[in-house]
């Protein structure tokens, strides 16, 4: 985990599909990039940056998102997310993210992920089912 350090950057490109729209997500009535999809793109970019640096059996989960969706992006347009690790405190990794379409910046903010042991995390999650039975 010592490979994960401030200053590391990631980049991913996406294309807005009809299934990514506010209309499809039912978060709005228009065929433009939905805010939940913008956030998912940021989470994916951050997760993909750190995953190759983790030991086998470990992953990350998103724990906090503070991203402002600043401009609409139409279906068919490409957009990309750039992220940078801004702090690492134990298992907590914080990122700065900027999302830009082919014309302008469409989003910016911070995202936090926590490193987890995937098996233990899954077992703990599954134990919730036994508690309600």
Protein backbone atom coordinates (compact mmCIF):
# COMPACT_ATOMS: atom_id res chain seq x y z
CA UNK A 1 0.00 0.00 0.00
CA UNK A 2 3.03 2.26 0.27
CA UNK A 3 2.84 2.60 -3.54
CA UNK A 4 -0.29 4.72 -3.09
CA UNK A 5 0.88 8.28 -2.52
CA UNK A 6 -0.13 11.87 -3.08
CA UNK A 7 0.44 13.23 -6.55
CA UNK A 8 -0.49 10.04 -8.44
CA UNK A 9 -2.91 10.81 -11.28
CA UNK A 10 -5.45 8.92 -13.34
CA UNK A 11 -7.37 9.65 -16.52
CA UNK A 12 -10.31 7.97 -18.25
CA UNK A 13 -12.44 8.88 -21.22
CA UNK A 14 -16.16 8.17 -21.56
CA UNK A 15 -18.90 8.73 -24.13
CA UNK A 16 -22.39 9.71 -23.02
CA UNK A 17 -24.89 7.01 -24.04
CA UNK A 18 -28.66 7.15 -23.79
CA UNK A 19 -28.46 4.85 -20.74
CA UNK A 20 -26.26 7.48 -19.02
CA UNK A 21 -28.87 10.22 -19.32
CA UNK A 22 -30.78 12.01 -16.60
CA UNK A 23 -33.93 10.72 -18.26
CA UNK A 24 -32.73 7.09 -18.02
CA UNK A 25 -31.64 7.53 -14.40
CA UNK A 26 -34.92 9.27 -13.60
CA UNK A 27 -32.90 12.07 -12.04
CA UNK A 28 -34.21 14.55 -14.60
CA UNK A 29 -36.28 14.76 -17.75
CA UNK A 30 -33.60 15.39 -20.39
CA UNK A 31 -31.26 13.27 -22.46
CA UNK A 32 -28.07 14.77 -21.02
CA UNK A 33 -25.38 13.21 -18.83
CA UNK A 34 -26.96 12.36 -15.47
CA UNK A 35 -25.31 13.56 -12.29
CA UNK A 36 -25.26 9.98 -10.88
CA UNK A 37 -23.34 8.90 -14.00
CA UNK A 38 -20.90 11.80 -13.67
CA UNK A 39 -20.22 10.70 -10.09
CA UNK A 40 -19.90 7.04 -11.13
CA UNK A 41 -17.33 8.05 -13.76
CA UNK A 42 -15.29 9.87 -11.12
CA UNK A 43 -15.48 6.89 -8.75
CA UNK A 44 -14.44 4.51 -11.53
CA UNK A 45 -11.44 6.64 -12.47
CA UNK A 46 -10.26 6.89 -8.86
CA UNK A 47 -10.80 3.18 -8.14
CA UNK A 48 -8.99 2.17 -11.33
CA UNK A 49 -6.01 4.35 -10.41
CA UNK A 50 -5.35 2.59 -7.10
CA UNK A 51 -6.54 -0.99 -7.75
CA UNK A 52 -3.33 -2.12 -9.52
CA UNK A 53 -1.30 -0.83 -6.55
CA UNK A 54 -3.14 -2.93 -3.95
CA UNK A 55 -2.20 -6.38 -2.70
CA UNK A 56 -4.24 -9.31 -3.96
CA UNK A 57 -7.55 -9.62 -2.11
CA UNK A 58 -7.79 -5.89 -1.41
CA UNK A 59 -9.93 -3.25 -3.04
CA UNK A 60 -11.45 0.12 -2.28
CA UNK A 61 -14.93 1.35 -1.55
CA UNK A 62 -16.22 4.86 -2.00
CA UNK A 63 -17.13 6.57 1.26
CA UNK A 64 -17.58 10.21 0.36
CA UNK A 65 -18.37 12.24 -2.76
CA UNK A 66 -18.45 16.01 -3.04
CA UNK A 67 -18.63 16.75 -6.75
CA UNK A 68 -20.34 19.71 -8.34
CA UNK A 69 -22.02 19.05 -11.72
CA UNK A 70 -21.48 22.37 -13.49
CA UNK A 71 -22.61 21.98 -17.12
CA UNK A 72 -24.68 19.62 -19.28
CA UNK A 73 -23.18 17.16 -21.76
CA UNK A 74 -25.32 15.78 -24.63
CA UNK A 75 -25.66 12.14 -25.66
CA UNK A 76 -22.88 11.16 -28.05
CA UNK A 77 -20.30 13.61 -26.68
CA UNK A 78 -17.08 12.39 -25.11
CA UNK A 79 -16.01 13.49 -21.66
CA UNK A 80 -13.11 12.59 -19.44
CA UNK A 81 -12.22 12.47 -15.79
CA UNK A 82 -8.84 13.36 -14.35
CA UNK A 83 -8.09 12.50 -10.74
CA UNK A 84 -5.20 13.11 -8.40
CA UNK A 85 -4.52 11.64 -5.00
CA UNK A 86 -4.39 14.58 -2.60
CA UNK A 87 -3.97 12.70 0.69
CA UNK A 88 -3.41 9.23 2.09
CA UNK A 89 -4.14 8.66 5.78
CA UNK A 90 -3.90 5.01 6.75
CA UNK A 91 -6.51 3.23 4.63
CA UNK A 92 -8.25 6.46 3.56
CA UNK A 93 -7.40 7.90 0.14
CA UNK A 94 -8.70 11.32 -0.95
CA UNK A 95 -8.83 12.47 -4.56
CA UNK A 96 -9.40 15.72 -6.41
CA UNK A 97 -11.40 15.12 -9.60
CA UNK A 98 -12.06 17.28 -12.66
CA UNK A 99 -14.47 16.24 -15.40
CA UNK A 100 -14.40 17.92 -18.80
CA UNK A 101 -16.37 17.32 -21.99
CA UNK A 102 -15.21 18.24 -25.49
CA UNK A 103 -16.16 21.85 -24.86
CA UNK A 104 -15.85 22.77 -21.18
CA UNK A 105 -15.36 21.69 -17.59
CA UNK A 106 -18.50 19.89 -16.43
CA UNK A 107 -17.62 18.84 -12.91
CA UNK A 108 -15.13 19.18 -10.09
CA UNK A 109 -14.75 18.10 -6.50
CA UNK A 110 -13.38 15.53 -4.12
CA UNK A 111 -13.85 11.83 -3.59
CA UNK A 112 -12.78 9.55 -0.74
CA UNK A 113 -12.14 5.81 -0.88
CA UNK A 114 -11.14 3.36 1.85
CA UNK A 115 -8.94 0.31 1.31
CA UNK A 116 -10.67 -2.90 2.38
CA UNK A 117 -9.93 -6.60 2.57
CA UNK A 118 -12.53 -7.79 0.07
CA UNK A 119 -13.30 -11.14 1.75
CA UNK A 120 -13.72 -9.64 5.22
CA UNK A 121 -15.80 -6.78 3.85
CA UNK A 122 -18.07 -9.17 1.95
CA UNK A 123 -18.49 -11.46 4.99
CA UNK A 124 -19.36 -8.49 7.20
CA UNK A 125 -21.89 -7.30 4.64
CA UNK A 126 -23.46 -10.77 4.33
CA UNK A 127 -23.76 -11.05 8.11
CA UNK A 128 -26.41 -8.31 7.93
CA UNK A 129 -28.73 -10.80 6.24
CA UNK A 130 -28.37 -13.28 9.12
CA UNK A 131 -29.15 -10.50 11.61
CA UNK A 132 -32.55 -9.80 10.04
CA UNK A 133 -33.62 -13.43 9.57
